[in-house]
């Protein structure tokens, strides 16, 4: 399954932002930042990664349905991926 390049560019941008957030969290830990601040930023990174994953899965699901490729194998794979984020 080939995913829409436009949608994947958005996902890549989201992942790059999450990467920057994670680097900031590492700096915070190295510098001994307040625990509450570190956990808050970790939560933001986690949500950004989850959103990127959901975007990939939803794009794949939309494409399978639009292309008529909704064979049981593809749908089962997408369902398992989706549930891995739940």
PDB file of N, CA and C in Angstrom:
ATOM      1  N   UNK A   1       0.851  -1.171   0.000  1.00  0.00           N
ATOM      2  CA  UNK A   1       0.000   0.000   0.000  1.00  0.00           C
ATOM      3  C   UNK A   1       0.899   1.237   0.000  1.00  0.00           C
ATOM      4  N   UNK A   2       0.741   2.092  -0.989  1.00  0.00           N
ATOM      5  CA  UNK A   2       1.469   3.353  -1.054  1.00  0.00           C
ATOM      6  C   UNK A   2       0.589   4.442  -0.467  1.00  0.00           C
ATOM      7  N   UNK A   3       1.140   5.201   0.479  1.00  0.00           N
ATOM      8  CA  UNK A   3       0.363   6.238   1.136  1.00  0.00           C
ATOM      9  C   UNK A   3       0.546   7.572   0.423  1.00  0.00           C
ATOM     10  N   UNK A   4      -0.472   8.408   0.512  1.00  0.00           N
ATOM     11  CA  UNK A   4      -0.503   9.713  -0.127  1.00  0.00           C
ATOM     12  C   UNK A   4       0.694  10.561   0.320  1.00  0.00           C
ATOM     13  N   UNK A   5       1.553  10.955  -0.621  1.00  0.00           N
ATOM     14  CA  UNK A   5       2.748  11.719  -0.268  1.00  0.00           C
ATOM     15  C   UNK A   5       2.450  13.041   0.445  1.00  0.00           C
ATOM     16  N   UNK A   6       1.342  13.683   0.085  1.00  0.00           N
ATOM     17  CA  UNK A   6       0.974  14.937   0.739  1.00  0.00           C
ATOM     18  C   UNK A   6       0.680  14.705   2.211  1.00  0.00           C
ATOM     19  N   UNK A   7      -0.074  13.650   2.497  1.00  0.00           N
ATOM     20  CA  UNK A   7      -0.392  13.323   3.898  1.00  0.00           C
ATOM     21  C   UNK A   7       0.857  12.888   4.650  1.00  0.00           C
ATOM     22  N   UNK A   8       1.728  12.144   3.984  1.00  0.00           N
ATOM     23  CA  UNK A   8       2.936  11.665   4.652  1.00  0.00           C
ATOM     24  C   UNK A   8       3.909  12.805   4.936  1.00  0.00           C
ATOM     25  N   UNK A   9       3.868  13.857   4.114  1.00  0.00           N
ATOM     26  CA  UNK A   9       4.698  15.038   4.395  1.00  0.00           C
ATOM     27  C   UNK A   9       4.229  15.689   5.689  1.00  0.00           C
ATOM     28  N   UNK A  10       2.921  15.754   5.886  1.00  0.00           N
ATOM     29  CA  UNK A  10       2.373  16.299   7.132  1.00  0.00           C
ATOM     30  C   UNK A  10       2.805  15.450   8.318  1.00  0.00           C
ATOM     31  N   UNK A  11       2.770  14.134   8.138  1.00  0.00           N
ATOM     32  CA  UNK A  11       3.195  13.228   9.215  1.00  0.00           C
ATOM     33  C   UNK A  11       4.678  13.442   9.517  1.00  0.00           C
ATOM     34  N   UNK A  12       5.486  13.554   8.483  1.00  0.00           N
ATOM     35  CA  UNK A  12       6.923  13.768   8.674  1.00  0.00           C
ATOM     36  C   UNK A  12       7.175  15.074   9.433  1.00  0.00           C
ATOM     37  N   UNK A  13       6.436  16.120   9.091  1.00  0.00           N
ATOM     38  CA  UNK A  13       6.579  17.395   9.803  1.00  0.00           C
ATOM     39  C   UNK A  13       6.191  17.251  11.273  1.00  0.00           C
ATOM     40  N   UNK A  14       5.129  16.517  11.534  1.00  0.00           N
ATOM     41  CA  UNK A  14       4.693  16.284  12.910  1.00  0.00           C
ATOM     42  C   UNK A  14       5.766  15.519  13.682  1.00  0.00           C
ATOM     43  N   UNK A  15       6.359  14.523  13.035  1.00  0.00           N
ATOM     44  CA  UNK A  15       7.406  13.734  13.685  1.00  0.00           C
ATOM     45  C   UNK A  15       8.656  14.569  13.947  1.00  0.00           C
ATOM     46  N   UNK A  16       8.971  15.467  13.042  1.00  0.00           N
ATOM     47  CA  UNK A  16      10.127  16.349  13.251  1.00  0.00           C
ATOM     48  C   UNK A  16       9.895  17.278  14.435  1.00  0.00           C
ATOM     49  N   UNK A  17       8.659  17.777  14.570  1.00  0.00           N
ATOM     50  CA  UNK A  17       8.331  18.604  15.738  1.00  0.00           C
ATOM     51  C   UNK A  17       8.459  17.788  17.016  1.00  0.00           C
ATOM     52  N   UNK A  18       7.971  16.550  16.986  1.00  0.00           N
ATOM     53  CA  UNK A  18       8.067  15.677  18.157  1.00  0.00           C
ATOM     54  C   UNK A  18       9.533  15.397  18.488  1.00  0.00           C
ATOM     55  N   UNK A  19      10.348  15.238  17.465  1.00  0.00           N
ATOM     56  CA  UNK A  19      11.773  15.003  17.669  1.00  0.00           C
ATOM     57  C   UNK A  19      12.396  16.202  18.394  1.00  0.00           C
ATOM     58  N   UNK A  20      12.023  17.393  17.976  1.00  0.00           N
ATOM     59  CA  UNK A  20      12.516  18.605  18.641  1.00  0.00           C
ATOM     60  C   UNK A  20      12.035  18.685  20.082  1.00  0.00           C
ATOM     61  N   UNK A  21      10.767  18.330  20.310  1.00  0.00           N
ATOM     62  CA  UNK A  21      10.238  18.320  21.671  1.00  0.00           C
ATOM     63  C   UNK A  21      10.990  17.323  22.536  1.00  0.00           C
ATOM     64  N   UNK A  22      11.267  16.151  21.980  1.00  0.00           N
ATOM     65  CA  UNK A  22      11.976  15.123  22.733  1.00  0.00           C
ATOM     66  C   UNK A  22      13.393  15.584  23.073  1.00  0.00           C
ATOM     67  N   UNK A  23      14.057  16.241  22.141  1.00  0.00           N
ATOM     68  CA  UNK A  23      15.392  16.772  22.409  1.00  0.00           C
ATOM     69  C   UNK A  23      15.335  17.783  23.562  1.00  0.00           C
ATOM     70  N   UNK A  24      14.280  18.583  23.583  1.00  0.00           N
ATOM     71  CA  UNK A  24      14.112  19.551  24.675  1.00  0.00           C
ATOM     72  C   UNK A  24      13.905  18.836  26.009  1.00  0.00           C
ATOM     73  N   UNK A  25      13.169  17.742  26.000  1.00  0.00           N
ATOM     74  CA  UNK A  25      12.943  16.977  27.230  1.00  0.00           C
ATOM     75  C   UNK A  25      14.270  16.399  27.735  1.00  0.00           C
ATOM     76  N   UNK A  26      15.069  15.872  26.823  1.00  0.00           N
ATOM     77  CA  UNK A  26      16.374  15.330  27.217  1.00  0.00           C
ATOM     78  C   UNK A  26      17.222  16.425  27.853  1.00  0.00           C
ATOM     79  N   UNK A  27      17.222  17.623  27.252  1.00  0.00           N
ATOM     80  CA  UNK A  27      17.959  18.754  27.829  1.00  0.00           C
ATOM     81  C   UNK A  27      17.441  19.082  29.221  1.00  0.00           C
ATOM     82  N   UNK A  28      16.107  19.070  29.350  1.00  0.00           N
ATOM     83  CA  UNK A  28      15.509  19.376  30.649  1.00  0.00           C
ATOM     84  C   UNK A  28      15.979  18.387  31.708  1.00  0.00           C
ATOM     85  N   UNK A  29      16.005  17.116  31.352  1.00  0.00           N
ATOM     86  CA  UNK A  29      16.447  16.084  32.295  1.00  0.00           C
ATOM     87  C   UNK A  29      17.921  16.298  32.636  1.00  0.00           C
ATOM     88  N   UNK A  30      18.741  16.538  31.625  1.00  0.00           N
ATOM     89  CA  UNK A  30      20.172  16.768  31.846  1.00  0.00           C
ATOM     90  C   UNK A  30      20.422  17.967  32.749  1.00  0.00           C
ATOM     91  N   UNK A  31      19.574  18.974  32.624  1.00  0.00           N
ATOM     92  CA  UNK A  31      19.745  20.202  33.405  1.00  0.00           C
ATOM     93  C   UNK A  31      19.022  20.161  34.740  1.00  0.00           C
ATOM     94  N   UNK A  32      18.352  19.047  35.033  1.00  0.00           N
ATOM     95  CA  UNK A  32      17.671  18.912  36.323  1.00  0.00           C
ATOM     96  C   UNK A  32      16.411  19.743  36.439  1.00  0.00           C
ATOM     97  N   UNK A  33      15.662  19.857  35.362  1.00  0.00           N
ATOM     98  CA  UNK A  33      14.419  20.649  35.368  1.00  0.00           C
ATOM     99  C   UNK A  33      13.398  20.036  36.319  1.00  0.00           C
ATOM    100  N   UNK A  34      12.414  20.839  36.639  1.00  0.00           N
ATOM    101  CA  UNK A  34      11.333  20.413  37.526  1.00  0.00           C
ATOM    102  C   UNK A  34      10.617  19.195  36.966  1.00  0.00           C
ATOM    103  N   UNK A  35      10.322  18.245  37.824  1.00  0.00           N
ATOM    104  CA  UNK A  35       9.683  16.983  37.427  1.00  0.00           C
ATOM    105  C   UNK A  35       8.355  17.217  36.699  1.00  0.00           C
ATOM    106  N   UNK A  36       7.560  18.130  37.201  1.00  0.00           N
ATOM    107  CA  UNK A  36       6.254  18.400  36.590  1.00  0.00           C
ATOM    108  C   UNK A  36       6.438  18.912  35.162  1.00  0.00           C
ATOM    109  N   UNK A  37       7.408  19.772  34.947  1.00  0.00           N
ATOM    110  CA  UNK A  37       7.669  20.303  33.607  1.00  0.00           C
ATOM    111  C   UNK A  37       8.128  19.194  32.662  1.00  0.00           C
ATOM    112  N   UNK A  38       8.989  18.316  33.155  1.00  0.00           N
ATOM    113  CA  UNK A  38       9.487  17.212  32.329  1.00  0.00           C
ATOM    114  C   UNK A  38       8.340  16.290  31.932  1.00  0.00           C
ATOM    115  N   UNK A  39       7.507  15.930  32.898  1.00  0.00           N
ATOM    116  CA  UNK A  39       6.387  15.030  32.607  1.00  0.00           C
ATOM    117  C   UNK A  39       5.403  15.690  31.652  1.00  0.00           C
ATOM    118  N   UNK A  40       5.154  16.968  31.812  1.00  0.00           N
ATOM    119  CA  UNK A  40       4.252  17.688  30.916  1.00  0.00           C
ATOM    120  C   UNK A  40       4.774  17.647  29.484  1.00  0.00           C
ATOM    121  N   UNK A  41       6.062  17.876  29.314  1.00  0.00           N
ATOM    122  CA  UNK A  41       6.640  17.847  27.973  1.00  0.00           C
ATOM    123  C   UNK A  41       6.672  16.429  27.402  1.00  0.00           C
ATOM    124  N   UNK A  42       6.935  15.435  28.239  1.00  0.00           N
ATOM    125  CA  UNK A  42       6.888  14.046  27.771  1.00  0.00           C
ATOM    126  C   UNK A  42       5.493  13.685  27.289  1.00  0.00           C
ATOM    127  N   UNK A  43       4.498  14.164  27.987  1.00  0.00           N
ATOM    128  CA  UNK A  43       3.116  13.920  27.575  1.00  0.00           C
ATOM    129  C   UNK A  43       2.846  14.540  26.205  1.00  0.00           C
ATOM    130  N   UNK A  44       3.361  15.736  25.979  1.00  0.00           N
ATOM    131  CA  UNK A  44       3.185  16.398  24.678  1.00  0.00           C
ATOM    132  C   UNK A  44       3.862  15.598  23.569  1.00  0.00           C
ATOM    133  N   UNK A  45       5.059  15.080  23.838  1.00  0.00           N
ATOM    134  CA  UNK A  45       5.768  14.273  22.837  1.00  0.00           C
ATOM    135  C   UNK A  45       4.975  13.009  22.535  1.00  0.00           C
ATOM    136  N   UNK A  46       4.473  12.377  23.574  1.00  0.00           N
ATOM    137  CA  UNK A  46       3.699  11.144  23.398  1.00  0.00           C
ATOM    138  C   UNK A  46       2.455  11.382  22.554  1.00  0.00           C
ATOM    139  N   UNK A  47       1.756  12.465  22.817  1.00  0.00           N
ATOM    140  CA  UNK A  47       0.555  12.791  22.047  1.00  0.00           C
ATOM    141  C   UNK A  47       0.903  13.080  20.588  1.00  0.00           C
ATOM    142  N   UNK A  48       2.015  13.772  20.362  1.00  0.00           N
ATOM    143  CA  UNK A  48       2.426  14.079  18.988  1.00  0.00           C
ATOM    144  C   UNK A  48       2.734  12.795  18.222  1.00  0.00           C
ATOM    145  N   UNK A  49       3.404  11.857  18.872  1.00  0.00           N
ATOM    146  CA  UNK A  49       3.711  10.581  18.226  1.00  0.00           C
ATOM    147  C   UNK A  49       2.440   9.781  17.952  1.00  0.00           C
ATOM    148  N   UNK A  50       1.531   9.777  18.916  1.00  0.00           N
ATOM    149  CA  UNK A  50       0.254   9.075  18.715  1.00  0.00           C
ATOM    150  C   UNK A  50      -0.504   9.668  17.530  1.00  0.00           C
ATOM    151  N   UNK A  51      -0.549  10.986  17.455  1.00  0.00           N
ATOM    152  CA  UNK A  51      -1.268  11.638  16.352  1.00  0.00           C
ATOM    153  C   UNK A  51      -0.638  11.306  15.013  1.00  0.00           C
ATOM    154  N   UNK A  52       0.683  11.236  14.970  1.00  0.00           N
ATOM    155  CA  UNK A  52       1.360  10.864  13.725  1.00  0.00           C
ATOM    156  C   UNK A  52       0.995   9.437  13.340  1.00  0.00           C
ATOM    157  N   UNK A  53       0.976   8.541  14.308  1.00  0.00           N
ATOM    158  CA  UNK A  53       0.604   7.159  14.032  1.00  0.00           C
ATOM    159  C   UNK A  53      -0.828   7.037  13.547  1.00  0.00           C
ATOM    160  N   UNK A  54      -1.732   7.736  14.208  1.00  0.00           N
ATOM    161  CA  UNK A  54      -3.132   7.703  13.781  1.00  0.00           C
ATOM    162  C   UNK A  54      -3.287   8.280  12.371  1.00  0.00           C
ATOM    163  N   UNK A  55      -2.518   9.313  12.047  1.00  0.00           N
ATOM    164  CA  UNK A  55      -2.596   9.909  10.712  1.00  0.00           C
ATOM    165  C   UNK A  55      -2.160   8.901   9.651  1.00  0.00           C
ATOM    166  N   UNK A  56      -1.107   8.148   9.931  1.00  0.00           N
ATOM    167  CA  UNK A  56      -0.642   7.134   8.976  1.00  0.00           C
ATOM    168  C   UNK A  56      -1.714   6.066   8.796  1.00  0.00           C
ATOM    169  N   UNK A  57      -2.270   5.597   9.904  1.00  0.00           N
ATOM    170  CA  UNK A  57      -3.279   4.543   9.832  1.00  0.00           C
ATOM    171  C   UNK A  57      -4.544   5.036   9.129  1.00  0.00           C
ATOM    172  N   UNK A  58      -5.003   6.234   9.469  1.00  0.00           N
ATOM    173  CA  UNK A  58      -6.238   6.729   8.848  1.00  0.00           C
ATOM    174  C   UNK A  58      -6.039   6.982   7.356  1.00  0.00           C
ATOM    175  N   UNK A  59      -4.853   7.442   6.978  1.00  0.00           N
ATOM    176  CA  UNK A  59      -4.567   7.641   5.562  1.00  0.00           C
ATOM    177  C   UNK A  59      -4.598   6.310   4.828  1.00  0.00           C
ATOM    178  N   UNK A  60      -3.995   5.300   5.426  1.00  0.00           N
ATOM    179  CA  UNK A  60      -4.010   3.964   4.824  1.00  0.00           C
ATOM    180  C   UNK A  60      -5.416   3.408   4.713  1.00  0.00           C
ATOM    181  N   UNK A  61      -6.212   3.612   5.748  1.00  0.00           N
ATOM    182  CA  UNK A  61      -7.586   3.119   5.743  1.00  0.00           C
ATOM    183  C   UNK A  61      -8.408   3.826   4.668  1.00  0.00           C
ATOM    184  N   UNK A  62      -8.290   5.146   4.598  1.00  0.00           N
ATOM    185  CA  UNK A  62      -9.024   5.895   3.571  1.00  0.00           C
ATOM    186  C   UNK A  62      -8.620   5.443   2.175  1.00  0.00           C
ATOM    187  N   UNK A  63      -7.332   5.246   1.995  1.00  0.00           N
ATOM    188  CA  UNK A  63      -6.844   4.840   0.675  1.00  0.00           C
ATOM    189  C   UNK A  63      -7.343   3.451   0.311  1.00  0.00           C
ATOM    190  N   UNK A  64      -7.327   2.537   1.264  1.00  0.00           N
ATOM    191  CA  UNK A  64      -7.821   1.175   0.990  1.00  0.00           C
ATOM    192  C   UNK A  64      -9.293   1.212   0.593  1.00  0.00           C
ATOM    193  N   UNK A  65     -10.069   2.008   1.310  1.00  0.00           N
ATOM    194  CA  UNK A  65     -11.493   2.080   1.019  1.00  0.00           C
ATOM    195  C   UNK A  65     -11.749   2.759  -0.322  1.00  0.00           C
ATOM    196  N   UNK A  66     -10.990   3.818  -0.607  1.00  0.00           N
ATOM    197  CA  UNK A  66     -11.183   4.553  -1.857  1.00  0.00           C
ATOM    198  C   UNK A  66     -10.727   3.736  -3.063  1.00  0.00           C
ATOM    199  N   UNK A  67      -9.667   2.975  -2.895  1.00  0.00           N
ATOM    200  CA  UNK A  67      -9.118   2.192  -4.003  1.00  0.00           C
ATOM    201  C   UNK A  67      -9.819   0.853  -4.177  1.00  0.00           C
ATOM    202  N   UNK A  68     -10.717   0.545  -3.273  1.00  0.00           N
ATOM    203  CA  UNK A  68     -11.381  -0.743  -3.342  1.00  0.00           C
ATOM    204  C   UNK A  68     -10.478  -1.895  -2.960  1.00  0.00           C
ATOM    205  N   UNK A  69      -9.394  -1.574  -2.249  1.00  0.00           N
ATOM    206  CA  UNK A  69      -8.452  -2.601  -1.815  1.00  0.00           C
ATOM    207  C   UNK A  69      -8.787  -3.096  -0.421  1.00  0.00           C
ATOM    208  N   UNK A  70     -10.020  -3.105  -0.075  1.00  0.00           N
ATOM    209  CA  UNK A  70     -10.368  -3.441   1.298  1.00  0.00           C
ATOM    210  C   UNK A  70     -10.482  -4.941   1.506  1.00  0.00           C
ATOM    211  N   UNK A  71      -9.483  -5.645   1.044  1.00  0.00           N
ATOM    212  CA  UNK A  71      -9.420  -7.079   1.297  1.00  0.00           C
ATOM    213  C   UNK A  71      -9.257  -7.332   2.783  1.00  0.00           C
ATOM    214  N   UNK A  72      -9.643  -8.505   3.218  1.00  0.00           N
ATOM    215  CA  UNK A  72      -9.597  -8.801   4.642  1.00  0.00           C
ATOM    216  C   UNK A  72      -8.193  -8.654   5.222  1.00  0.00           C
ATOM    217  N   UNK A  73      -7.184  -9.020   4.464  1.00  0.00           N
ATOM    218  CA  UNK A  73      -5.818  -8.932   4.963  1.00  0.00           C
ATOM    219  C   UNK A  73      -5.399  -7.509   5.267  1.00  0.00           C
ATOM    220  N   UNK A  74      -5.659  -6.585   4.342  1.00  0.00           N
ATOM    221  CA  UNK A  74      -5.297  -5.190   4.562  1.00  0.00           C
ATOM    222  C   UNK A  74      -6.081  -4.594   5.726  1.00  0.00           C
ATOM    223  N   UNK A  75      -7.363  -4.878   5.774  1.00  0.00           N
ATOM    224  CA  UNK A  75      -8.192  -4.316   6.836  1.00  0.00           C
ATOM    225  C   UNK A  75      -7.761  -4.862   8.197  1.00  0.00           C
ATOM    226  N   UNK A  76      -7.408  -6.135   8.266  1.00  0.00           N
ATOM    227  CA  UNK A  76      -6.951  -6.711   9.529  1.00  0.00           C
ATOM    228  C   UNK A  76      -5.646  -6.071   9.972  1.00  0.00           C
ATOM    229  N   UNK A  77      -4.743  -5.837   9.043  1.00  0.00           N
ATOM    230  CA  UNK A  77      -3.473  -5.183   9.370  1.00  0.00           C
ATOM    231  C   UNK A  77      -3.723  -3.775   9.905  1.00  0.00           C
ATOM    232  N   UNK A  78      -4.583  -3.021   9.226  1.00  0.00           N
ATOM    233  CA  UNK A  78      -4.887  -1.664   9.664  1.00  0.00           C
ATOM    234  C   UNK A  78      -5.554  -1.659  11.034  1.00  0.00           C
ATOM    235  N   UNK A  79      -6.449  -2.617  11.251  1.00  0.00           N
ATOM    236  CA  UNK A  79      -7.122  -2.703  12.546  1.00  0.00           C
ATOM    237  C   UNK A  79      -6.113  -2.991  13.652  1.00  0.00           C
ATOM    238  N   UNK A  80      -5.192  -3.913  13.408  1.00  0.00           N
ATOM    239  CA  UNK A  80      -4.176  -4.224  14.423  1.00  0.00           C
ATOM    240  C   UNK A  80      -3.299  -2.997  14.698  1.00  0.00           C
ATOM    241  N   UNK A  81      -2.918  -2.297  13.643  1.00  0.00           N
ATOM    242  CA  UNK A  81      -2.120  -1.098  13.848  1.00  0.00           C
ATOM    243  C   UNK A  81      -2.875  -0.050  14.638  1.00  0.00           C
ATOM    244  N   UNK A  82      -4.138   0.140  14.286  1.00  0.00           N
ATOM    245  CA  UNK A  82      -4.957   1.122  14.986  1.00  0.00           C
ATOM    246  C   UNK A  82      -5.077   0.762  16.463  1.00  0.00           C
ATOM    247  N   UNK A  83      -5.327  -0.503  16.745  1.00  0.00           N
ATOM    248  CA  UNK A  83      -5.494  -0.932  18.136  1.00  0.00           C
ATOM    249  C   UNK A  83      -4.179  -0.855  18.921  1.00  0.00           C
ATOM    250  N   UNK A  84      -3.067  -0.891  18.228  1.00  0.00           N
ATOM    251  CA  UNK A  84      -1.786  -0.784  18.949  1.00  0.00           C
ATOM    252  C   UNK A  84      -1.628   0.592  19.598  1.00  0.00           C
ATOM    253  N   UNK A  85      -2.379   1.583  19.123  1.00  0.00           N
ATOM    254  CA  UNK A  85      -2.326   2.918  19.712  1.00  0.00           C
ATOM    255  C   UNK A  85      -3.379   3.120  20.800  1.00  0.00           C
ATOM    256  N   UNK A  86      -4.314   2.204  20.904  1.00  0.00           N
ATOM    257  CA  UNK A  86      -5.395   2.358  21.882  1.00  0.00           C
ATOM    258  C   UNK A  86      -4.930   2.052  23.292  1.00  0.00           C
TER     259      UNK A  86
END
